[in-house]
Amino acid sequence: MKLLSFLGAVGLGIFSGAWIIASRRRAGGSRLSANRSVININEASQQEIMQILGLDAETADRIVEHRPYPSRLDLLGRMVVSNDVYLTIKDKIVYRAS
């Protein structure tokens, strides 16, 4: 019985976390599309990435090479950019598939 209660609590925690993340994505998506300096990292050219995000050519090239991105966090997960760079650009990028 204790195991069943534990598994129920874990399941509830996972469900709650997923729900919170999904609601943040919905809220963040509408906020980002209103901002004109937002760039889609799945479609932007290397030049656009350099100009809008202020990145060097090497970093912009790595972003283009590792496409497509199903989320912004994939930039970190695939080690395309450092944590410092990600924190700088995360509010300026979206990742919609083309």
Foldseek 3Di string as FASTA:
>chain_A
DVVVVVVVVVVVVVVVVVVVVVVVCVVLVVVLVVDPLAEALQDDDLVSCCVSLVDDSQLSVLSNVPDQDPFLCVCVVVVSDDPVSSVSCVSRYDRDHD
